[in-house]
Amino acid sequence: MIPPTLQAIHINDATGLVDLAPLTAAPNLRRLHLNRCATTDLTPIRALPVESLRVTLDGCDLTPLAGHRHLASLDLGSTTPIDITPLCNVQNLRGLDLSRADVRDLTVLAYLPSMRYLALTAQQWAALLDEGKAPPALAAARLADGDAPLDEALTWSARLGLNTANAFHVTGTLGSDDG
């Protein structure tokens, strides 16, 4: 049973697809994170005040999120190519991570004027920047490839218009002196 006072839920490693319908019993749900599991229907989210959503979609689309009044942050994964056009009228969407998604047309991001944070893979960034369609108000960007070499990261940064002349790379281990 879902308590009506529930405001955040993290569903981890569910076997099989996650049915979000029971969450409609939580009218105050603000954060929904599906970690290492997927769903096939976002319709139950439409009427909830979810502000932070992490989800992997399995064969469904983003249509139920179109016009969502509360959604501010979306971390999206997909098992099939996905159309992000429904996000164009999500007025409060400020943060978007598409690094786990197969997006059909990344140039749609240029029509998200409120987007402040964007995370993409190097391949996704290249496709977007080649078209000159980065969101106009970006304040923070993330190269989501964990193993991107420094020269690739610097090239990406320069394409975003950042000064990389004084960039440096530090590696090592941070420890504490308990003595």
N, C-alpha and C. Protein backbone atom coordinates (compact mmCIF):
# COMPACT_ATOMS: atom_id res chain seq x y z
N MET A 1 0.85 -1.18 0.00
CA MET A 1 0.00 0.00 0.00
C MET A 1 0.90 1.25 0.00
N ILE A 2 0.58 2.19 -0.85
CA ILE A 2 1.32 3.45 -0.96
C ILE A 2 0.69 4.48 -0.03
N PRO A 3 1.47 5.02 0.92
CA PRO A 3 0.89 6.05 1.80
C PRO A 3 0.69 7.37 1.05
N PRO A 4 -0.39 8.07 1.31
CA PRO A 4 -0.65 9.33 0.59
C PRO A 4 0.36 10.43 0.93
N THR A 5 1.13 10.25 2.00
CA THR A 5 2.13 11.25 2.39
C THR A 5 3.47 11.04 1.71
N LEU A 6 3.61 9.98 0.90
CA LEU A 6 4.87 9.68 0.23
C LEU A 6 5.29 10.83 -0.67
N GLN A 7 6.53 11.30 -0.50
CA GLN A 7 7.05 12.39 -1.32
C GLN A 7 8.20 11.96 -2.21
N ALA A 8 8.88 10.87 -1.88
CA ALA A 8 10.02 10.40 -2.68
C ALA A 8 10.07 8.89 -2.63
N ILE A 9 10.42 8.30 -3.77
CA ILE A 9 10.59 6.86 -3.82
C ILE A 9 11.69 6.53 -4.82
N HIS A 10 12.53 5.61 -4.42
CA HIS A 10 13.58 5.06 -5.28
C HIS A 10 13.27 3.58 -5.42
N ILE A 11 13.08 3.14 -6.64
CA ILE A 11 12.82 1.74 -6.92
C ILE A 11 14.09 1.19 -7.57
N ASN A 12 14.71 0.24 -6.92
CA ASN A 12 16.00 -0.29 -7.36
C ASN A 12 15.91 -1.74 -7.80
N ASP A 13 16.51 -2.03 -8.94
CA ASP A 13 16.72 -3.41 -9.39
C ASP A 13 15.45 -4.25 -9.44
N ALA A 14 14.32 -3.65 -9.82
CA ALA A 14 13.08 -4.42 -9.91
C ALA A 14 13.21 -5.46 -11.00
N THR A 15 12.71 -6.66 -10.73
CA THR A 15 12.69 -7.69 -11.76
C THR A 15 11.41 -7.48 -12.55
N GLY A 16 11.55 -7.35 -13.84
CA GLY A 16 10.39 -7.06 -14.68
C GLY A 16 10.14 -5.57 -14.75
N LEU A 17 9.12 -5.21 -15.50
CA LEU A 17 8.79 -3.80 -15.71
C LEU A 17 8.04 -3.25 -14.50
N VAL A 18 8.26 -1.98 -14.20
CA VAL A 18 7.64 -1.34 -13.04
C VAL A 18 6.34 -0.68 -13.46
N ASP A 19 5.25 -1.01 -12.76
CA ASP A 19 3.95 -0.40 -12.99
C ASP A 19 3.85 0.83 -12.09
N LEU A 20 3.73 2.00 -12.68
CA LEU A 20 3.68 3.24 -11.90
C LEU A 20 2.28 3.60 -11.43
N ALA A 21 1.26 2.88 -11.87
CA ALA A 21 -0.13 3.20 -11.51
C ALA A 21 -0.37 3.29 -10.00
N PRO A 22 0.19 2.40 -9.18
CA PRO A 22 -0.06 2.52 -7.74
C PRO A 22 0.42 3.85 -7.13
N LEU A 23 1.34 4.53 -7.80
CA LEU A 23 1.87 5.79 -7.26
C LEU A 23 0.85 6.93 -7.31
N THR A 24 -0.24 6.75 -8.03
CA THR A 24 -1.27 7.80 -8.06
C THR A 24 -1.92 7.97 -6.69
N ALA A 25 -1.70 7.03 -5.80
CA ALA A 25 -2.20 7.13 -4.42
C ALA A 25 -1.34 8.07 -3.58
N ALA A 26 -0.26 8.59 -4.16
CA ALA A 26 0.66 9.50 -3.45
C ALA A 26 0.59 10.88 -4.11
N PRO A 27 -0.42 11.69 -3.78
CA PRO A 27 -0.63 12.97 -4.46
C PRO A 27 0.45 14.02 -4.19
N ASN A 28 1.39 13.72 -3.28
CA ASN A 28 2.46 14.67 -2.97
C ASN A 28 3.82 14.18 -3.45
N LEU A 29 3.84 13.18 -4.34
CA LEU A 29 5.09 12.60 -4.80
C LEU A 29 5.90 13.62 -5.60
N ARG A 30 7.10 13.93 -5.11
CA ARG A 30 7.98 14.93 -5.74
C ARG A 30 9.17 14.30 -6.45
N ARG A 31 9.63 13.14 -5.98
CA ARG A 31 10.82 12.51 -6.55
C ARG A 31 10.52 11.05 -6.83
N LEU A 32 10.78 10.64 -8.08
CA LEU A 32 10.61 9.25 -8.48
C LEU A 32 11.84 8.84 -9.26
N HIS A 33 12.57 7.89 -8.72
CA HIS A 33 13.78 7.40 -9.37
C HIS A 33 13.69 5.89 -9.54
N LEU A 34 13.69 5.45 -10.79
CA LEU A 34 13.78 4.03 -11.11
C LEU A 34 15.23 3.75 -11.44
N ASN A 35 15.89 2.99 -10.61
CA ASN A 35 17.31 2.70 -10.77
C ASN A 35 17.50 1.26 -11.22
N ARG A 36 18.11 1.10 -12.38
CA ARG A 36 18.39 -0.20 -12.95
C ARG A 36 17.13 -1.02 -13.16
N CYS A 37 16.05 -0.34 -13.56
CA CYS A 37 14.80 -0.99 -13.92
C CYS A 37 14.04 -0.05 -14.86
N ALA A 38 12.97 -0.55 -15.46
CA ALA A 38 12.28 0.23 -16.50
C ALA A 38 10.76 0.16 -16.33
N THR A 39 10.09 1.04 -17.07
CA THR A 39 8.64 1.08 -17.11
C THR A 39 8.18 1.22 -18.56
N THR A 40 6.91 0.93 -18.78
CA THR A 40 6.36 1.05 -20.13
C THR A 40 5.27 2.12 -20.23
N ASP A 41 5.01 2.85 -19.13
CA ASP A 41 3.93 3.83 -19.18
C ASP A 41 4.16 4.94 -18.16
N LEU A 42 4.28 6.18 -18.66
CA LEU A 42 4.44 7.34 -17.79
C LEU A 42 3.11 8.03 -17.47
N THR A 43 2.01 7.53 -17.97
CA THR A 43 0.71 8.17 -17.77
C THR A 43 0.42 8.48 -16.30
N PRO A 44 0.71 7.59 -15.34
CA PRO A 44 0.42 7.91 -13.94
C PRO A 44 1.17 9.15 -13.43
N ILE A 45 2.26 9.54 -14.05
CA ILE A 45 3.06 10.67 -13.60
C ILE A 45 2.39 12.00 -13.97
N ARG A 46 1.58 11.99 -15.01
CA ARG A 46 0.98 13.22 -15.54
C ARG A 46 0.31 14.08 -14.47
N ALA A 47 -0.42 13.47 -13.55
CA ALA A 47 -1.18 14.23 -12.56
C ALA A 47 -0.44 14.42 -11.24
N LEU A 48 0.78 13.89 -11.13
CA LEU A 48 1.53 14.00 -9.88
C LEU A 48 2.51 15.17 -9.94
N PRO A 49 2.81 15.78 -8.80
CA PRO A 49 3.72 16.93 -8.78
C PRO A 49 5.20 16.54 -8.78
N VAL A 50 5.55 15.52 -9.54
CA VAL A 50 6.93 15.02 -9.60
C VAL A 50 7.83 16.11 -10.16
N GLU A 51 8.87 16.45 -9.40
CA GLU A 51 9.85 17.46 -9.80
C GLU A 51 11.13 16.81 -10.34
N SER A 52 11.49 15.65 -9.79
CA SER A 52 12.71 14.95 -10.18
C SER A 52 12.34 13.53 -10.60
N LEU A 53 12.67 13.21 -11.86
CA LEU A 53 12.31 11.90 -12.40
C LEU A 53 13.54 11.27 -13.05
N ARG A 54 13.85 10.05 -12.61
CA ARG A 54 14.88 9.23 -13.24
C ARG A 54 14.17 7.97 -13.69
N VAL A 55 14.22 7.72 -15.00
CA VAL A 55 13.43 6.62 -15.53
C VAL A 55 14.07 6.06 -16.79
N THR A 56 13.89 4.77 -16.99
CA THR A 56 14.24 4.13 -18.24
C THR A 56 12.94 3.65 -18.86
N LEU A 57 12.71 4.06 -20.10
CA LEU A 57 11.49 3.70 -20.81
C LEU A 57 11.73 2.49 -21.69
N ASP A 58 10.81 1.55 -21.64
CA ASP A 58 10.90 0.35 -22.45
C ASP A 58 9.75 0.35 -23.45
N GLY A 59 10.01 0.94 -24.61
CA GLY A 59 9.02 0.92 -25.68
C GLY A 59 7.89 1.91 -25.56
N CYS A 60 7.97 2.85 -24.66
CA CYS A 60 6.92 3.86 -24.57
C CYS A 60 7.51 5.23 -24.88
N ASP A 61 6.70 6.28 -24.76
CA ASP A 61 7.19 7.60 -25.13
C ASP A 61 6.98 8.61 -24.01
N LEU A 62 7.37 9.85 -24.29
CA LEU A 62 7.31 10.93 -23.30
C LEU A 62 6.02 11.74 -23.35
N THR A 63 5.07 11.35 -24.20
CA THR A 63 3.83 12.11 -24.36
C THR A 63 3.14 12.44 -23.03
N PRO A 64 3.07 11.52 -22.07
CA PRO A 64 2.41 11.88 -20.80
C PRO A 64 3.07 13.03 -20.05
N LEU A 65 4.32 13.35 -20.36
CA LEU A 65 5.00 14.45 -19.67
C LEU A 65 4.76 15.80 -20.33
N ALA A 66 4.20 15.82 -21.53
CA ALA A 66 3.95 17.08 -22.24
C ALA A 66 3.11 18.01 -21.37
N GLY A 67 3.59 19.22 -21.17
CA GLY A 67 2.87 20.20 -20.37
C GLY A 67 2.93 19.97 -18.87
N HIS A 68 3.75 19.02 -18.42
CA HIS A 68 3.85 18.75 -16.96
C HIS A 68 4.26 20.03 -16.26
N ARG A 69 3.55 20.41 -15.22
CA ARG A 69 3.76 21.72 -14.57
C ARG A 69 4.88 21.72 -13.54
N HIS A 70 5.30 20.57 -13.05
CA HIS A 70 6.24 20.53 -11.94
C HIS A 70 7.63 19.99 -12.29
N LEU A 71 7.72 19.19 -13.34
CA LEU A 71 8.97 18.50 -13.65
C LEU A 71 10.11 19.49 -13.89
N ALA A 72 11.16 19.39 -13.09
CA ALA A 72 12.32 20.28 -13.20
C ALA A 72 13.58 19.54 -13.62
N SER A 73 13.65 18.24 -13.33
CA SER A 73 14.85 17.46 -13.62
C SER A 73 14.45 16.09 -14.14
N LEU A 74 15.04 15.72 -15.30
CA LEU A 74 14.75 14.42 -15.90
C LEU A 74 16.04 13.74 -16.29
N ASP A 75 16.23 12.52 -15.79
CA ASP A 75 17.35 11.66 -16.16
C ASP A 75 16.70 10.49 -16.89
N LEU A 76 16.91 10.44 -18.21
CA LEU A 76 16.16 9.52 -19.06
C LEU A 76 17.03 8.46 -19.70
N GLY A 77 16.57 7.24 -19.65
CA GLY A 77 17.16 6.14 -20.39
C GLY A 77 16.08 5.55 -21.28
N SER A 78 16.49 4.87 -22.33
CA SER A 78 15.49 4.24 -23.21
C SER A 78 16.07 2.97 -23.81
N THR A 79 15.17 2.02 -24.09
CA THR A 79 15.58 0.78 -24.73
C THR A 79 15.36 0.85 -26.24
N THR A 80 14.62 1.86 -26.70
CA THR A 80 14.36 2.07 -28.12
C THR A 80 14.53 3.57 -28.41
N PRO A 81 14.70 3.95 -29.67
CA PRO A 81 14.81 5.38 -29.99
C PRO A 81 13.59 6.15 -29.50
N ILE A 82 13.85 7.36 -29.00
CA ILE A 82 12.77 8.14 -28.38
C ILE A 82 12.73 9.56 -28.92
N ASP A 83 11.52 10.09 -28.99
CA ASP A 83 11.28 11.46 -29.43
C ASP A 83 11.16 12.34 -28.18
N ILE A 84 11.99 13.37 -28.07
CA ILE A 84 11.95 14.25 -26.89
C ILE A 84 11.10 15.50 -27.12
N THR A 85 10.42 15.60 -28.25
CA THR A 85 9.57 16.76 -28.55
C THR A 85 8.56 17.07 -27.45
N PRO A 86 7.94 16.08 -26.78
CA PRO A 86 6.99 16.41 -25.71
C PRO A 86 7.60 17.25 -24.59
N LEU A 87 8.92 17.28 -24.48
CA LEU A 87 9.56 18.08 -23.42
C LEU A 87 9.56 19.57 -23.73
N CYS A 88 9.27 19.94 -24.97
CA CYS A 88 9.33 21.35 -25.38
C CYS A 88 8.36 22.25 -24.62
N ASN A 89 7.29 21.69 -24.09
CA ASN A 89 6.37 22.52 -23.32
C ASN A 89 6.30 22.11 -21.84
N VAL A 90 7.42 21.60 -21.34
CA VAL A 90 7.55 21.36 -19.90
C VAL A 90 8.28 22.59 -19.36
N GLN A 91 7.51 23.56 -18.93
CA GLN A 91 8.01 24.89 -18.63
C GLN A 91 9.07 24.97 -17.53
N ASN A 92 9.02 24.10 -16.55
CA ASN A 92 9.97 24.17 -15.44
C ASN A 92 11.17 23.25 -15.59
N LEU A 93 11.29 22.56 -16.73
CA LEU A 93 12.40 21.64 -16.94
C LEU A 93 13.71 22.41 -17.05
N ARG A 94 14.58 22.23 -16.07
CA ARG A 94 15.86 22.95 -16.02
C ARG A 94 17.06 22.03 -16.21
N GLY A 95 16.91 20.75 -15.84
CA GLY A 95 18.02 19.80 -15.91
C GLY A 95 17.62 18.56 -16.67
N LEU A 96 18.50 18.12 -17.57
CA LEU A 96 18.18 16.98 -18.42
C LEU A 96 19.43 16.15 -18.65
N ASP A 97 19.33 14.85 -18.38
CA ASP A 97 20.41 13.91 -18.66
C ASP A 97 19.85 12.89 -19.65
N LEU A 98 20.37 12.94 -20.87
CA LEU A 98 19.94 12.01 -21.92
C LEU A 98 21.03 11.00 -22.27
N SER A 99 22.04 10.89 -21.44
CA SER A 99 23.20 10.05 -21.76
C SER A 99 22.87 8.56 -21.82
N ARG A 100 21.74 8.15 -21.26
CA ARG A 100 21.34 6.74 -21.30
C ARG A 100 20.23 6.50 -22.33
N ALA A 101 19.91 7.53 -23.11
CA ALA A 101 18.79 7.44 -24.05
C ALA A 101 19.25 7.46 -25.50
N ASP A 102 18.51 6.77 -26.33
CA ASP A 102 18.71 6.81 -27.77
C ASP A 102 17.71 7.82 -28.32
N VAL A 103 18.17 9.07 -28.48
CA VAL A 103 17.28 10.18 -28.86
C VAL A 103 17.25 10.31 -30.38
N ARG A 104 16.05 10.37 -30.94
CA ARG A 104 15.90 10.45 -32.40
C ARG A 104 16.45 11.76 -32.96
N ASP A 105 16.13 12.88 -32.32
CA ASP A 105 16.53 14.19 -32.85
C ASP A 105 16.95 15.10 -31.70
N LEU A 106 18.25 15.23 -31.50
CA LEU A 106 18.77 16.06 -30.41
C LEU A 106 18.58 17.55 -30.68
N THR A 107 18.36 17.96 -31.92
CA THR A 107 18.19 19.39 -32.21
C THR A 107 16.95 19.97 -31.53
N VAL A 108 16.04 19.13 -31.09
CA VAL A 108 14.87 19.58 -30.33
C VAL A 108 15.32 20.35 -29.08
N LEU A 109 16.50 20.03 -28.57
CA LEU A 109 17.00 20.70 -27.36
C LEU A 109 17.12 22.21 -27.53
N ALA A 110 17.28 22.68 -28.74
CA ALA A 110 17.37 24.13 -28.99
C ALA A 110 16.06 24.83 -28.66
N TYR A 111 14.98 24.08 -28.56
CA TYR A 111 13.67 24.65 -28.28
C TYR A 111 13.29 24.52 -26.81
N LEU A 112 14.29 24.30 -25.98
CA LEU A 112 14.08 24.24 -24.53
C LEU A 112 14.78 25.46 -23.91
N PRO A 113 14.15 26.61 -23.97
CA PRO A 113 14.81 27.85 -23.56
C PRO A 113 15.15 27.94 -22.07
N SER A 114 14.52 27.14 -21.24
CA SER A 114 14.78 27.19 -19.80
C SER A 114 15.83 26.19 -19.35
N MET A 115 16.34 25.38 -20.27
CA MET A 115 17.32 24.33 -19.93
C MET A 115 18.61 24.96 -19.42
N ARG A 116 19.00 24.60 -18.19
CA ARG A 116 20.20 25.15 -17.57
C ARG A 116 21.32 24.11 -17.45
N TYR A 117 20.95 22.82 -17.36
CA TYR A 117 21.93 21.73 -17.21
C TYR A 117 21.61 20.65 -18.22
N LEU A 118 22.65 20.18 -18.92
CA LEU A 118 22.46 19.13 -19.91
C LEU A 118 23.62 18.15 -19.85
N ALA A 119 23.31 16.87 -19.77
CA ALA A 119 24.31 15.80 -19.78
C ALA A 119 24.07 14.92 -20.99
N LEU A 120 25.11 14.75 -21.81
CA LEU A 120 25.06 13.92 -23.01
C LEU A 120 26.37 13.15 -23.13
N THR A 121 26.36 12.11 -23.95
CA THR A 121 27.60 11.41 -24.27
C THR A 121 28.37 12.24 -25.30
N ALA A 122 29.62 11.90 -25.52
CA ALA A 122 30.44 12.62 -26.50
C ALA A 122 29.80 12.54 -27.89
N GLN A 123 29.29 11.40 -28.25
CA GLN A 123 28.64 11.23 -29.55
C GLN A 123 27.39 12.10 -29.66
N GLN A 124 26.60 12.17 -28.60
CA GLN A 124 25.40 13.01 -28.60
C GLN A 124 25.77 14.49 -28.69
N TRP A 125 26.79 14.91 -27.90
CA TRP A 125 27.23 16.30 -27.95
C TRP A 125 27.71 16.67 -29.35
N ALA A 126 28.47 15.77 -29.98
CA ALA A 126 28.98 16.05 -31.33
C ALA A 126 27.82 16.25 -32.30
N ALA A 127 26.81 15.38 -32.23
CA ALA A 127 25.66 15.51 -33.12
C ALA A 127 24.93 16.84 -32.88
N LEU A 128 24.76 17.21 -31.62
CA LEU A 128 24.06 18.45 -31.29
C LEU A 128 24.86 19.68 -31.71
N LEU A 129 26.15 19.69 -31.39
CA LEU A 129 26.99 20.86 -31.71
C LEU A 129 27.25 20.98 -33.20
N ASP A 130 27.29 19.86 -33.92
CA ASP A 130 27.45 19.92 -35.37
C ASP A 130 26.28 20.64 -36.02
N GLU A 131 25.12 20.55 -35.40
CA GLU A 131 23.92 21.24 -35.90
C GLU A 131 23.78 22.65 -35.34
N GLY A 132 24.64 23.01 -34.37
CA GLY A 132 24.56 24.33 -33.76
C GLY A 132 23.28 24.55 -32.98
N LYS A 133 22.82 23.51 -32.28
CA LYS A 133 21.50 23.57 -31.64
C LYS A 133 21.55 23.35 -30.12
N ALA A 134 22.58 23.81 -29.46
CA ALA A 134 22.63 23.67 -28.01
C ALA A 134 21.56 24.58 -27.39
N PRO A 135 20.97 24.16 -26.27
CA PRO A 135 19.99 25.02 -25.61
C PRO A 135 20.61 26.39 -25.31
N PRO A 136 19.87 27.46 -25.53
CA PRO A 136 20.45 28.80 -25.44
C PRO A 136 20.85 29.27 -24.04
N ALA A 137 20.26 28.72 -22.99
CA ALA A 137 20.51 29.23 -21.63
C ALA A 137 21.35 28.29 -20.77
N LEU A 138 22.11 27.38 -21.38
CA LEU A 138 22.89 26.43 -20.59
C LEU A 138 23.85 27.13 -19.64
N ALA A 139 23.85 26.71 -18.41
CA ALA A 139 24.79 27.21 -17.41
C ALA A 139 25.78 26.12 -17.01
N ALA A 140 25.39 24.86 -17.22
CA ALA A 140 26.25 23.74 -16.87
C ALA A 140 26.03 22.62 -17.88
N ALA A 141 27.12 21.99 -18.25
CA ALA A 141 27.07 20.89 -19.21
C ALA A 141 27.96 19.77 -18.71
N ARG A 142 27.59 18.54 -19.04
CA ARG A 142 28.37 17.38 -18.58
C ARG A 142 28.65 16.46 -19.76
N LEU A 143 29.89 16.09 -19.89
CA LEU A 143 30.30 15.06 -20.84
C LEU A 143 30.16 13.74 -20.09
N ALA A 144 29.15 12.98 -20.41
CA ALA A 144 28.76 11.83 -19.59
C ALA A 144 29.56 10.57 -19.86
N ASP A 145 30.57 10.64 -20.70
CA ASP A 145 31.43 9.48 -20.92
C ASP A 145 32.46 9.43 -19.79
N GLY A 146 32.36 8.44 -18.94
CA GLY A 146 33.27 8.34 -17.80
C GLY A 146 34.71 8.12 -18.19
N ASP A 147 34.93 7.58 -19.36
CA ASP A 147 36.29 7.28 -19.78
C ASP A 147 36.78 8.18 -20.90
N ALA A 148 36.19 9.36 -21.04
CA ALA A 148 36.61 10.29 -22.10
C ALA A 148 38.03 10.76 -21.83
N PRO A 149 38.93 10.65 -22.83
CA PRO A 149 40.29 11.15 -22.63
C PRO A 149 40.30 12.68 -22.51
N LEU A 150 41.33 13.19 -21.87
CA LEU A 150 41.42 14.62 -21.61
C LEU A 150 41.33 15.44 -22.89
N ASP A 151 42.03 15.03 -23.94
CA ASP A 151 41.99 15.83 -25.17
C ASP A 151 40.58 15.89 -25.76
N GLU A 152 39.82 14.81 -25.64
CA GLU A 152 38.44 14.81 -26.12
C GLU A 152 37.58 15.76 -25.27
N ALA A 153 37.77 15.72 -23.96
CA ALA A 153 37.03 16.61 -23.07
C ALA A 153 37.36 18.08 -23.34
N LEU A 154 38.63 18.36 -23.62
CA LEU A 154 39.03 19.74 -23.92
C LEU A 154 38.45 20.21 -25.25
N THR A 155 38.44 19.34 -26.23
CA THR A 155 37.84 19.68 -27.53
C THR A 155 36.36 19.97 -27.36
N TRP A 156 35.66 19.13 -26.60
CA TRP A 156 34.24 19.33 -26.32
C TRP A 156 34.02 20.67 -25.61
N SER A 157 34.84 20.95 -24.60
CA SER A 157 34.71 22.21 -23.86
C SER A 157 34.91 23.41 -24.77
N ALA A 158 35.90 23.34 -25.65
CA ALA A 158 36.16 24.44 -26.58
C ALA A 158 34.98 24.64 -27.53
N ARG A 159 34.36 23.54 -27.97
CA ARG A 159 33.19 23.67 -28.85
C ARG A 159 32.02 24.33 -28.15
N LEU A 160 31.97 24.21 -26.83
CA LEU A 160 30.92 24.88 -26.05
C LEU A 160 31.27 26.35 -25.79
N GLY A 161 32.46 26.76 -26.21
CA GLY A 161 32.87 28.15 -26.05
C GLY A 161 33.65 28.42 -24.78
N LEU A 162 34.12 27.38 -24.11
CA LEU A 162 34.89 27.57 -22.89
C LEU A 162 36.37 27.74 -23.20
N ASN A 163 37.03 28.56 -22.42
CA ASN A 163 38.47 28.77 -22.58
C ASN A 163 39.19 27.59 -21.92
N THR A 164 39.92 26.84 -22.71
CA THR A 164 40.62 25.66 -22.20
C THR A 164 42.13 25.86 -22.12
N ALA A 165 42.58 27.09 -22.31
CA ALA A 165 44.02 27.36 -22.35
C ALA A 165 44.73 26.97 -21.06
N ASN A 166 44.10 27.16 -19.92
CA ASN A 166 44.74 26.87 -18.64
C ASN A 166 44.21 25.60 -17.98
N ALA A 167 43.60 24.73 -18.76
CA ALA A 167 43.05 23.48 -18.21
C ALA A 167 44.18 22.56 -17.77
N PHE A 168 43.95 21.83 -16.70
CA PHE A 168 44.93 20.85 -16.25
C PHE A 168 44.19 19.62 -15.74
N HIS A 169 44.90 18.53 -15.66
CA HIS A 169 44.35 17.24 -15.26
C HIS A 169 45.11 16.74 -14.04
N VAL A 170 44.39 16.39 -13.02
CA VAL A 170 45.01 15.91 -11.79
C VAL A 170 44.49 14.51 -11.50
N THR A 171 45.38 13.62 -11.14
CA THR A 171 44.97 12.28 -10.71
C THR A 171 45.66 12.00 -9.38
N GLY A 172 45.15 11.05 -8.68
CA GLY A 172 45.77 10.69 -7.41
C GLY A 172 44.75 10.14 -6.45
N THR A 173 45.18 10.03 -5.21
CA THR A 173 44.32 9.50 -4.15
C THR A 173 44.27 10.49 -3.01
N LEU A 174 43.08 10.76 -2.56
CA LEU A 174 42.90 11.67 -1.44
C LEU A 174 42.81 10.82 -0.18
N GLY A 175 43.64 11.11 0.76
CA GLY A 175 43.64 10.35 2.01
C GLY A 175 43.59 11.30 3.19
N SER A 176 43.43 10.72 4.34
CA SER A 176 43.42 11.52 5.55
C SER A 176 44.57 11.06 6.46
N ASP A 177 45.09 11.99 7.21
CA ASP A 177 46.16 11.68 8.15
C ASP A 177 45.53 11.57 9.53
N ASP A 178 45.36 10.34 9.99
CA ASP A 178 44.72 10.12 11.29
C ASP A 178 45.71 10.22 12.44
N GLY A 179 46.99 10.47 12.11
CA GLY A 179 48.03 10.43 13.14
C GLY A 179 48.23 11.69 13.78
